[in-house]
Amino acid sequence: MPIMEISVIPIGTCETSISRYVAKSEEPLAKAKSIKSEVTAMGTIIEAPSLRKLFDIAAKMHNKALSAGARRVFTSLTIDDRLDKKLSIKGKIKSLKNQIQA
């Protein structure tokens, strides 16, 4: 299952705080079925059954920030897609914590 980190950054605003635009960009995730997500301080981690679903949700999130009033939006994506074993957000975190404790 592919995993994506997305950061939607509204830069075309007249204010220094962008949290209201970022909050709007998160709305499509609440409606998405078969998608797991975890909001972090610097982005959102999303797990979906296909790469196509990740790209679709990324476009919706980007466009939502624009429709919220941002005149310019910078969106960054990082995708991890493995074919040799199953990926999950929890599994990646568990693997990292196991390495830290070793």
PDB file of N, CA and C in Angstrom:
ATOM      1  N   MET A   1       0.855  -1.179   0.000  1.00  0.00           N
ATOM      2  CA  MET A   1       0.000   0.000   0.000  1.00  0.00           C
ATOM      3  C   MET A   1       0.896   1.236   0.000  1.00  0.00           C
ATOM      4  N   PRO A   2       0.766   2.120  -0.963  1.00  0.00           N
ATOM      5  CA  PRO A   2       1.614   3.309  -1.005  1.00  0.00           C
ATOM      6  C   PRO A   2       1.279   4.309   0.105  1.00  0.00           C
ATOM      7  N   ILE A   3       2.308   5.020   0.516  1.00  0.00           N
ATOM      8  CA  ILE A   3       2.191   6.041   1.552  1.00  0.00           C
ATOM      9  C   ILE A   3       2.739   7.341   1.002  1.00  0.00           C
ATOM     10  N   MET A   4       2.066   8.443   1.326  1.00  0.00           N
ATOM     11  CA  MET A   4       2.481   9.751   0.844  1.00  0.00           C
ATOM     12  C   MET A   4       2.525  10.730   2.010  1.00  0.00           C
ATOM     13  N   GLU A   5       3.549  11.570   1.988  1.00  0.00           N
ATOM     14  CA  GLU A   5       3.565  12.726   2.881  1.00  0.00           C
ATOM     15  C   GLU A   5       3.252  13.928   2.005  1.00  0.00           C
ATOM     16  N   ILE A   6       2.293  14.728   2.427  1.00  0.00           N
ATOM     17  CA  ILE A   6       1.911  15.919   1.679  1.00  0.00           C
ATOM     18  C   ILE A   6       1.976  17.136   2.591  1.00  0.00           C
ATOM     19  N   SER A   7       2.546  18.194   2.046  1.00  0.00           N
ATOM     20  CA  SER A   7       2.545  19.483   2.730  1.00  0.00           C
ATOM     21  C   SER A   7       1.907  20.489   1.784  1.00  0.00           C
ATOM     22  N   VAL A   8       0.763  21.024   2.188  1.00  0.00           N
ATOM     23  CA  VAL A   8       0.067  22.051   1.416  1.00  0.00           C
ATOM     24  C   VAL A   8       0.398  23.380   2.075  1.00  0.00           C
ATOM     25  N   ILE A   9       1.074  24.238   1.328  1.00  0.00           N
ATOM     26  CA  ILE A   9       1.559  25.489   1.903  1.00  0.00           C
ATOM     27  C   ILE A   9       0.988  26.674   1.133  1.00  0.00           C
ATOM     28  N   PRO A  10      -0.041  27.307   1.678  1.00  0.00           N
ATOM     29  CA  PRO A  10      -0.609  28.493   1.033  1.00  0.00           C
ATOM     30  C   PRO A  10       0.337  29.674   1.220  1.00  0.00           C
ATOM     31  N   ILE A  11       0.925  30.160   0.133  1.00  0.00           N
ATOM     32  CA  ILE A  11       1.864  31.278   0.240  1.00  0.00           C
ATOM     33  C   ILE A  11       1.274  32.564  -0.329  1.00  0.00           C
ATOM     34  N   GLY A  12       0.158  32.469  -0.991  1.00  0.00           N
ATOM     35  CA  GLY A  12      -0.470  33.658  -1.559  1.00  0.00           C
ATOM     36  C   GLY A  12      -1.570  34.180  -0.665  1.00  0.00           C
ATOM     37  N   THR A  13      -1.183  34.565   0.555  1.00  0.00           N
ATOM     38  CA  THR A  13      -2.157  35.113   1.509  1.00  0.00           C
ATOM     39  C   THR A  13      -1.626  36.447   2.024  1.00  0.00           C
ATOM     40  N   CYS A  14      -2.467  37.196   2.649  1.00  0.00           N
ATOM     41  CA  CYS A  14      -2.070  38.500   3.208  1.00  0.00           C
ATOM     42  C   CYS A  14      -1.788  38.402   4.697  1.00  0.00           C
ATOM     43  N   GLU A  15      -1.636  37.191   5.203  1.00  0.00           N
ATOM     44  CA  GLU A  15      -1.424  37.010   6.630  1.00  0.00           C
ATOM     45  C   GLU A  15      -0.288  36.025   6.871  1.00  0.00           C
ATOM     46  N   THR A  16       0.321  36.097   8.030  1.00  0.00           N
ATOM     47  CA  THR A  16       1.416  35.181   8.336  1.00  0.00           C
ATOM     48  C   THR A  16       0.923  33.815   8.798  1.00  0.00           C
ATOM     49  N   SER A  17      -0.246  33.752   9.409  1.00  0.00           N
ATOM     50  CA  SER A  17      -0.814  32.476   9.833  1.00  0.00           C
ATOM     51  C   SER A  17      -1.528  31.827   8.653  1.00  0.00           C
ATOM     52  N   ILE A  18      -1.212  30.558   8.412  1.00  0.00           N
ATOM     53  CA  ILE A  18      -1.842  29.845   7.286  1.00  0.00           C
ATOM     54  C   ILE A  18      -2.683  28.659   7.747  1.00  0.00           C
ATOM     55  N   SER A  19      -2.841  28.504   9.063  1.00  0.00           N
ATOM     56  CA  SER A  19      -3.517  27.313   9.579  1.00  0.00           C
ATOM     57  C   SER A  19      -4.953  27.166   9.082  1.00  0.00           C
ATOM     58  N   ARG A  20      -5.672  28.257   8.865  1.00  0.00           N
ATOM     59  CA  ARG A  20      -7.057  28.117   8.397  1.00  0.00           C
ATOM     60  C   ARG A  20      -7.110  27.563   6.975  1.00  0.00           C
ATOM     61  N   TYR A  21      -6.121  27.903   6.151  1.00  0.00           N
ATOM     62  CA  TYR A  21      -6.058  27.365   4.791  1.00  0.00           C
ATOM     63  C   TYR A  21      -5.656  25.884   4.810  1.00  0.00           C
ATOM     64  N   VAL A  22      -4.700  25.573   5.671  1.00  0.00           N
ATOM     65  CA  VAL A  22      -4.258  24.189   5.797  1.00  0.00           C
ATOM     66  C   VAL A  22      -5.396  23.321   6.334  1.00  0.00           C
ATOM     67  N   ALA A  23      -6.145  23.836   7.297  1.00  0.00           N
ATOM     68  CA  ALA A  23      -7.294  23.090   7.836  1.00  0.00           C
ATOM     69  C   ALA A  23      -8.310  22.800   6.728  1.00  0.00           C
ATOM     70  N   LYS A  24      -8.557  23.765   5.875  1.00  0.00           N
ATOM     71  CA  LYS A  24      -9.479  23.551   4.744  1.00  0.00           C
ATOM     72  C   LYS A  24      -8.948  22.472   3.815  1.00  0.00           C
ATOM     73  N   SER A  25      -7.625  22.464   3.610  1.00  0.00           N
ATOM     74  CA  SER A  25      -7.039  21.476   2.698  1.00  0.00           C
ATOM     75  C   SER A  25      -7.174  20.051   3.245  1.00  0.00           C
ATOM     76  N   GLU A  26      -7.366  19.913   4.545  1.00  0.00           N
ATOM     77  CA  GLU A  26      -7.520  18.591   5.161  1.00  0.00           C
ATOM     78  C   GLU A  26      -8.940  18.029   4.997  1.00  0.00           C
ATOM     79  N   GLU A  27      -9.902  18.865   4.646  1.00  0.00           N
ATOM     80  CA  GLU A  27     -11.301  18.427   4.553  1.00  0.00           C
ATOM     81  C   GLU A  27     -11.527  17.228   3.629  1.00  0.00           C
ATOM     82  N   PRO A  28     -10.893  17.147   2.474  1.00  0.00           N
ATOM     83  CA  PRO A  28     -11.139  15.976   1.612  1.00  0.00           C
ATOM     84  C   PRO A  28     -10.786  14.643   2.270  1.00  0.00           C
ATOM     85  N   LEU A  29      -9.865  14.653   3.226  1.00  0.00           N
ATOM     86  CA  LEU A  29      -9.500  13.412   3.908  1.00  0.00           C
ATOM     87  C   LEU A  29     -10.647  12.863   4.745  1.00  0.00           C
ATOM     88  N   ALA A  30     -11.445  13.752   5.325  1.00  0.00           N
ATOM     89  CA  ALA A  30     -12.575  13.307   6.149  1.00  0.00           C
ATOM     90  C   ALA A  30     -13.617  12.569   5.308  1.00  0.00           C
ATOM     91  N   LYS A  31     -13.705  12.915   4.029  1.00  0.00           N
ATOM     92  CA  LYS A  31     -14.692  12.298   3.149  1.00  0.00           C
ATOM     93  C   LYS A  31     -14.157  11.070   2.421  1.00  0.00           C
ATOM     94  N   ALA A  32     -12.856  10.881   2.438  1.00  0.00           N
ATOM     95  CA  ALA A  32     -12.235   9.801   1.664  1.00  0.00           C
ATOM     96  C   ALA A  32     -12.403   8.456   2.350  1.00  0.00           C
ATOM     97  N   LYS A  33     -12.843   7.499   1.592  1.00  0.00           N
ATOM     98  CA  LYS A  33     -12.980   6.138   2.102  1.00  0.00           C
ATOM     99  C   LYS A  33     -11.709   5.369   1.747  1.00  0.00           C
ATOM    100  N   SER A  34     -11.368   4.407   2.521  1.00  0.00           N
ATOM    101  CA  SER A  34     -10.204   3.527   2.349  1.00  0.00           C
ATOM    102  C   SER A  34      -8.874   4.279   2.407  1.00  0.00           C
ATOM    103  N   ILE A  35      -8.883   5.442   3.045  1.00  0.00           N
ATOM    104  CA  ILE A  35      -7.656   6.211   3.198  1.00  0.00           C
ATOM    105  C   ILE A  35      -7.431   6.489   4.676  1.00  0.00           C
ATOM    106  N   LYS A  36      -6.210   6.181   5.148  1.00  0.00           N
ATOM    107  CA  LYS A  36      -5.818   6.484   6.524  1.00  0.00           C
ATOM    108  C   LYS A  36      -4.882   7.673   6.480  1.00  0.00           C
ATOM    109  N   SER A  37      -4.974   8.518   7.496  1.00  0.00           N
ATOM    110  CA  SER A  37      -4.083   9.678   7.511  1.00  0.00           C
ATOM    111  C   SER A  37      -3.691  10.037   8.928  1.00  0.00           C
ATOM    112  N   GLU A  38      -2.572  10.749   9.015  1.00  0.00           N
ATOM    113  CA  GLU A  38      -2.073  11.226  10.293  1.00  0.00           C
ATOM    114  C   GLU A  38      -1.489  12.619  10.075  1.00  0.00           C
ATOM    115  N   VAL A  39      -2.070  13.597  10.748  1.00  0.00           N
ATOM    116  CA  VAL A  39      -1.589  14.973  10.641  1.00  0.00           C
ATOM    117  C   VAL A  39      -0.375  15.140  11.543  1.00  0.00           C
ATOM    118  N   THR A  40       0.664  15.790  11.010  1.00  0.00           N
ATOM    119  CA  THR A  40       1.848  16.100  11.796  1.00  0.00           C
ATOM    120  C   THR A  40       2.031  17.614  11.788  1.00  0.00           C
ATOM    121  N   ALA A  41       3.018  18.085  12.484  1.00  0.00           N
ATOM    122  CA  ALA A  41       3.255  19.527  12.555  1.00  0.00           C
ATOM    123  C   ALA A  41       3.699  20.117  11.218  1.00  0.00           C
ATOM    124  N   MET A  42       4.252  19.293  10.341  1.00  0.00           N
ATOM    125  CA  MET A  42       4.809  19.800   9.090  1.00  0.00           C
ATOM    126  C   MET A  42       4.145  19.235   7.840  1.00  0.00           C
ATOM    127  N   GLY A  43       3.154  18.388   8.004  1.00  0.00           N
ATOM    128  CA  GLY A  43       2.487  17.791   6.850  1.00  0.00           C
ATOM    129  C   GLY A  43       1.510  16.727   7.291  1.00  0.00           C
ATOM    130  N   THR A  44       1.018  15.986   6.331  1.00  0.00           N
ATOM    131  CA  THR A  44       0.075  14.908   6.595  1.00  0.00           C
ATOM    132  C   THR A  44       0.580  13.647   5.922  1.00  0.00           C
ATOM    133  N   ILE A  45       0.552  12.527   6.636  1.00  0.00           N
ATOM    134  CA  ILE A  45       0.935  11.237   6.101  1.00  0.00           C
ATOM    135  C   ILE A  45      -0.357  10.530   5.702  1.00  0.00           C
ATOM    136  N   ILE A  46      -0.399  10.018   4.479  1.00  0.00           N
ATOM    137  CA  ILE A  46      -1.616   9.389   3.969  1.00  0.00           C
ATOM    138  C   ILE A  46      -1.286   8.007   3.419  1.00  0.00           C
ATOM    139  N   GLU A  47      -2.110   7.039   3.777  1.00  0.00           N
ATOM    140  CA  GLU A  47      -1.977   5.654   3.320  1.00  0.00           C
ATOM    141  C   GLU A  47      -3.226   5.329   2.512  1.00  0.00           C
ATOM    142  N   ALA A  48      -3.041   4.858   1.285  1.00  0.00           N
ATOM    143  CA  ALA A  48      -4.185   4.562   0.415  1.00  0.00           C
ATOM    144  C   ALA A  48      -3.930   3.261  -0.340  1.00  0.00           C
ATOM    145  N   PRO A  49      -4.996   2.633  -0.850  1.00  0.00           N
ATOM    146  CA  PRO A  49      -4.827   1.362  -1.547  1.00  0.00           C
ATOM    147  C   PRO A  49      -4.131   1.473  -2.911  1.00  0.00           C
ATOM    148  N   SER A  50      -4.027   2.674  -3.463  1.00  0.00           N
ATOM    149  CA  SER A  50      -3.387   2.804  -4.773  1.00  0.00           C
ATOM    150  C   SER A  50      -2.730   4.174  -4.913  1.00  0.00           C
ATOM    151  N   LEU A  51      -1.764   4.234  -5.802  1.00  0.00           N
ATOM    152  CA  LEU A  51      -1.097   5.483  -6.102  1.00  0.00           C
ATOM    153  C   LEU A  51      -2.080   6.490  -6.689  1.00  0.00           C
ATOM    154  N   ARG A  52      -2.998   6.021  -7.505  1.00  0.00           N
ATOM    155  CA  ARG A  52      -4.010   6.884  -8.120  1.00  0.00           C
ATOM    156  C   ARG A  52      -4.819   7.598  -7.035  1.00  0.00           C
ATOM    157  N   LYS A  53      -5.215   6.861  -5.980  1.00  0.00           N
ATOM    158  CA  LYS A  53      -5.988   7.484  -4.892  1.00  0.00           C
ATOM    159  C   LYS A  53      -5.169   8.556  -4.180  1.00  0.00           C
ATOM    160  N   LEU A  54      -3.873   8.300  -4.017  1.00  0.00           N
ATOM    161  CA  LEU A  54      -3.017   9.306  -3.380  1.00  0.00           C
ATOM    162  C   LEU A  54      -2.948  10.575  -4.224  1.00  0.00           C
ATOM    163  N   PHE A  55      -2.768  10.420  -5.529  1.00  0.00           N
ATOM    164  CA  PHE A  55      -2.707  11.594  -6.410  1.00  0.00           C
ATOM    165  C   PHE A  55      -4.040  12.342  -6.429  1.00  0.00           C
ATOM    166  N   ASP A  56      -5.131  11.602  -6.437  1.00  0.00           N
ATOM    167  CA  ASP A  56      -6.463  12.232  -6.433  1.00  0.00           C
ATOM    168  C   ASP A  56      -6.686  13.046  -5.165  1.00  0.00           C
ATOM    169  N   ILE A  57      -6.338  12.483  -4.021  1.00  0.00           N
ATOM    170  CA  ILE A  57      -6.553  13.202  -2.761  1.00  0.00           C
ATOM    171  C   ILE A  57      -5.601  14.396  -2.671  1.00  0.00           C
ATOM    172  N   ALA A  58      -4.380  14.257  -3.195  1.00  0.00           N
ATOM    173  CA  ALA A  58      -3.430  15.376  -3.190  1.00  0.00           C
ATOM    174  C   ALA A  58      -3.986  16.547  -4.000  1.00  0.00           C
ATOM    175  N   ALA A  59      -4.562  16.257  -5.153  1.00  0.00           N
ATOM    176  CA  ALA A  59      -5.145  17.322  -5.986  1.00  0.00           C
ATOM    177  C   ALA A  59      -6.305  18.000  -5.268  1.00  0.00           C
ATOM    178  N   LYS A  60      -7.135  17.217  -4.607  1.00  0.00           N
ATOM    179  CA  LYS A  60      -8.273  17.782  -3.874  1.00  0.00           C
ATOM    180  C   LYS A  60      -7.795  18.678  -2.727  1.00  0.00           C
ATOM    181  N   MET A  61      -6.772  18.228  -2.022  1.00  0.00           N
ATOM    182  CA  MET A  61      -6.251  19.013  -0.903  1.00  0.00           C
ATOM    183  C   MET A  61      -5.642  20.322  -1.401  1.00  0.00           C
ATOM    184  N   HIS A  62      -4.883  20.259  -2.461  1.00  0.00           N
ATOM    185  CA  HIS A  62      -4.272  21.449  -3.049  1.00  0.00           C
ATOM    186  C   HIS A  62      -5.349  22.451  -3.488  1.00  0.00           C
ATOM    187  N   ASN A  63      -6.343  21.944  -4.212  1.00  0.00           N
ATOM    188  CA  ASN A  63      -7.410  22.813  -4.717  1.00  0.00           C
ATOM    189  C   ASN A  63      -8.269  23.395  -3.603  1.00  0.00           C
ATOM    190  N   LYS A  64      -8.413  22.666  -2.514  1.00  0.00           N
ATOM    191  CA  LYS A  64      -9.212  23.158  -1.393  1.00  0.00           C
ATOM    192  C   LYS A  64      -8.555  24.399  -0.765  1.00  0.00           C
ATOM    193  N   ALA A  65      -7.227  24.407  -0.685  1.00  0.00           N
ATOM    194  CA  ALA A  65      -6.526  25.585  -0.151  1.00  0.00           C
ATOM    195  C   ALA A  65      -6.726  26.781  -1.080  1.00  0.00           C
ATOM    196  N   LEU A  66      -6.723  26.542  -2.381  1.00  0.00           N
ATOM    197  CA  LEU A  66      -6.979  27.625  -3.342  1.00  0.00           C
ATOM    198  C   LEU A  66      -8.404  28.150  -3.206  1.00  0.00           C
ATOM    199  N   SER A  67      -9.356  27.234  -3.103  1.00  0.00           N
ATOM    200  CA  SER A  67     -10.759  27.668  -3.007  1.00  0.00           C
ATOM    201  C   SER A  67     -11.065  28.336  -1.665  1.00  0.00           C
ATOM    202  N   ALA A  68     -10.186  28.146  -0.675  1.00  0.00           N
ATOM    203  CA  ALA A  68     -10.357  28.812   0.624  1.00  0.00           C
ATOM    204  C   ALA A  68      -9.885  30.259   0.579  1.00  0.00           C
ATOM    205  N   GLY A  69      -9.287  30.665  -0.549  1.00  0.00           N
ATOM    206  CA  GLY A  69      -8.885  32.060  -0.696  1.00  0.00           C
ATOM    207  C   GLY A  69      -7.409  32.312  -0.901  1.00  0.00           C
ATOM    208  N   ALA A  70      -6.582  31.268  -0.768  1.00  0.00           N
ATOM    209  CA  ALA A  70      -5.152  31.458  -1.027  1.00  0.00           C
ATOM    210  C   ALA A  70      -4.970  31.728  -2.516  1.00  0.00           C
ATOM    211  N   ARG A  71      -4.162  32.713  -2.839  1.00  0.00           N
ATOM    212  CA  ARG A  71      -3.946  33.064  -4.246  1.00  0.00           C
ATOM    213  C   ARG A  71      -2.810  32.265  -4.873  1.00  0.00           C
ATOM    214  N   ARG A  72      -2.016  31.628  -4.015  1.00  0.00           N
ATOM    215  CA  ARG A  72      -0.930  30.781  -4.483  1.00  0.00           C
ATOM    216  C   ARG A  72      -0.720  29.679  -3.454  1.00  0.00           C
ATOM    217  N   VAL A  73      -0.537  28.448  -3.934  1.00  0.00           N
ATOM    218  CA  VAL A  73      -0.342  27.310  -3.035  1.00  0.00           C
ATOM    219  C   VAL A  73       0.834  26.474  -3.543  1.00  0.00           C
ATOM    220  N   PHE A  74       1.751  26.176  -2.644  1.00  0.00           N
ATOM    221  CA  PHE A  74       2.887  25.305  -2.933  1.00  0.00           C
ATOM    222  C   PHE A  74       2.607  23.980  -2.244  1.00  0.00           C
ATOM    223  N   THR A  75       2.575  22.889  -3.002  1.00  0.00           N
ATOM    224  CA  THR A  75       2.302  21.572  -2.437  1.00  0.00           C
ATOM    225  C   THR A  75       3.476  20.647  -2.724  1.00  0.00           C
ATOM    226  N   SER A  76       3.947  19.998  -1.679  1.00  0.00           N
ATOM    227  CA  SER A  76       5.078  19.081  -1.786  1.00  0.00           C
ATOM    228  C   SER A  76       4.614  17.663  -1.467  1.00  0.00           C
ATOM    229  N   LEU A  77       5.017  16.697  -2.302  1.00  0.00           N
ATOM    230  CA  LEU A  77       4.657  15.293  -2.096  1.00  0.00           C
ATOM    231  C   LEU A  77       5.904  14.435  -1.979  1.00  0.00           C
ATOM    232  N   THR A  78       5.873  13.484  -1.068  1.00  0.00           N
ATOM    233  CA  THR A  78       6.884  12.439  -0.974  1.00  0.00           C
ATOM    234  C   THR A  78       6.129  11.122  -0.927  1.00  0.00           C
ATOM    235  N   ILE A  79       6.484  10.191  -1.801  1.00  0.00           N
ATOM    236  CA  ILE A  79       5.748   8.926  -1.896  1.00  0.00           C
ATOM    237  C   ILE A  79       6.689   7.754  -1.649  1.00  0.00           C
ATOM    238  N   ASP A  80       6.224   6.812  -0.844  1.00  0.00           N
ATOM    239  CA  ASP A  80       6.927   5.556  -0.594  1.00  0.00           C
ATOM    240  C   ASP A  80       6.007   4.444  -1.075  1.00  0.00           C
ATOM    241  N   ASP A  81       6.466   3.682  -2.061  1.00  0.00           N
ATOM    242  CA  ASP A  81       5.646   2.624  -2.655  1.00  0.00           C
ATOM    243  C   ASP A  81       6.505   1.376  -2.801  1.00  0.00           C
ATOM    244  N   ARG A  82       6.295   0.392  -1.945  1.00  0.00           N
ATOM    245  CA  ARG A  82       7.078  -0.845  -1.960  1.00  0.00           C
ATOM    246  C   ARG A  82       6.275  -1.974  -2.548  1.00  0.00           C
ATOM    247  N   LEU A  83       6.942  -2.830  -3.297  1.00  0.00           N
ATOM    248  CA  LEU A  83       6.278  -3.997  -3.858  1.00  0.00           C
ATOM    249  C   LEU A  83       6.693  -5.291  -3.167  1.00  0.00           C
ATOM    250  N   ASP A  84       7.800  -5.247  -2.405  1.00  0.00           N
ATOM    251  CA  ASP A  84       8.299  -6.470  -1.787  1.00  0.00           C
ATOM    252  C   ASP A  84       7.631  -6.809  -0.456  1.00  0.00           C
ATOM    253  N   LYS A  85       6.989  -5.831   0.166  1.00  0.00           N
ATOM    254  CA  LYS A  85       6.250  -6.110   1.400  1.00  0.00           C
ATOM    255  C   LYS A  85       5.229  -5.007   1.638  1.00  0.00           C
ATOM    256  N   LYS A  86       4.265  -5.303   2.497  1.00  0.00           N
ATOM    257  CA  LYS A  86       3.183  -4.365   2.776  1.00  0.00           C
ATOM    258  C   LYS A  86       3.693  -3.174   3.584  1.00  0.00           C
ATOM    259  N   LEU A  87       3.276  -1.991   3.172  1.00  0.00           N
ATOM    260  CA  LEU A  87       3.607  -0.759   3.886  1.00  0.00           C
ATOM    261  C   LEU A  87       2.404  -0.260   4.665  1.00  0.00           C
ATOM    262  N   SER A  88       2.666   0.346   5.802  1.00  0.00           N
ATOM    263  CA  SER A  88       1.624   1.040   6.552  1.00  0.00           C
ATOM    264  C   SER A  88       2.280   2.135   7.369  1.00  0.00           C
ATOM    265  N   ILE A  89       1.515   3.127   7.719  1.00  0.00           N
ATOM    266  CA  ILE A  89       2.043   4.209   8.553  1.00  0.00           C
ATOM    267  C   ILE A  89       2.550   3.641   9.873  1.00  0.00           C
ATOM    268  N   LYS A  90       1.727   2.829  10.518  1.00  0.00           N
ATOM    269  CA  LYS A  90       2.103   2.256  11.818  1.00  0.00           C
ATOM    270  C   LYS A  90       3.333   1.366  11.703  1.00  0.00           C
ATOM    271  N   GLY A  91       3.413   0.604  10.613  1.00  0.00           N
ATOM    272  CA  GLY A  91       4.549  -0.292  10.412  1.00  0.00           C
ATOM    273  C   GLY A  91       5.852   0.458  10.240  1.00  0.00           C
ATOM    274  N   LYS A  92       5.815   1.574   9.515  1.00  0.00           N
ATOM    275  CA  LYS A  92       7.020   2.376   9.322  1.00  0.00           C
ATOM    276  C   LYS A  92       7.493   2.991  10.639  1.00  0.00           C
ATOM    277  N   ILE A  93       6.557   3.467  11.439  1.00  0.00           N
ATOM    278  CA  ILE A  93       6.903   4.056  12.735  1.00  0.00           C
ATOM    279  C   ILE A  93       7.466   2.985  13.672  1.00  0.00           C
ATOM    280  N   LYS A  94       6.837   1.820  13.687  1.00  0.00           N
ATOM    281  CA  LYS A  94       7.299   0.723  14.534  1.00  0.00           C
ATOM    282  C   LYS A  94       8.712   0.305  14.150  1.00  0.00           C
ATOM    283  N   SER A  95       8.979   0.182  12.861  1.00  0.00           N
ATOM    284  CA  SER A  95      10.303  -0.207  12.379  1.00  0.00           C
ATOM    285  C   SER A  95      11.368   0.808  12.824  1.00  0.00           C
ATOM    286  N   LEU A  96      11.053   2.087  12.706  1.00  0.00           N
ATOM    287  CA  LEU A  96      11.991   3.126  13.123  1.00  0.00           C
ATOM    288  C   LEU A  96      12.252   3.077  14.622  1.00  0.00           C
ATOM    289  N   LYS A  97      11.183   2.929  15.397  1.00  0.00           N
ATOM    290  CA  LYS A  97      11.349   2.874  16.863  1.00  0.00           C
ATOM    291  C   LYS A  97      12.172   1.661  17.281  1.00  0.00           C
ATOM    292  N   ASN A  98      11.987   0.542  16.583  1.00  0.00           N
ATOM    293  CA  ASN A  98      12.777  -0.647  16.894  1.00  0.00           C
ATOM    294  C   ASN A  98      14.261  -0.394  16.629  1.00  0.00           C
ATOM    295  N   GLN A  99      14.587   0.326  15.566  1.00  0.00           N
ATOM    296  CA  GLN A  99      15.978   0.643  15.248  1.00  0.00           C
ATOM    297  C   GLN A  99      16.575   1.615  16.267  1.00  0.00           C
ATOM    298  N   ILE A 100      15.776   2.562  16.730  1.00  0.00           N
ATOM    299  CA  ILE A 100      16.254   3.530  17.718  1.00  0.00           C
ATOM    300  C   ILE A 100      16.585   2.830  19.030  1.00  0.00           C
ATOM    301  N   GLN A 101      15.755   1.869  19.420  1.00  0.00           N
ATOM    302  CA  GLN A 101      15.943   1.166  20.689  1.00  0.00           C
ATOM    303  C   GLN A 101      17.072   0.127  20.619  1.00  0.00           C
ATOM    304  N   ALA A 102      17.470  -0.256  19.414  1.00  0.00           N
ATOM    305  CA  ALA A 102      18.492  -1.310  19.256  1.00  0.00           C
ATOM    306  C   ALA A 102      19.867  -0.827  19.662  1.00  0.00           C
TER     307      ALA A 102
END
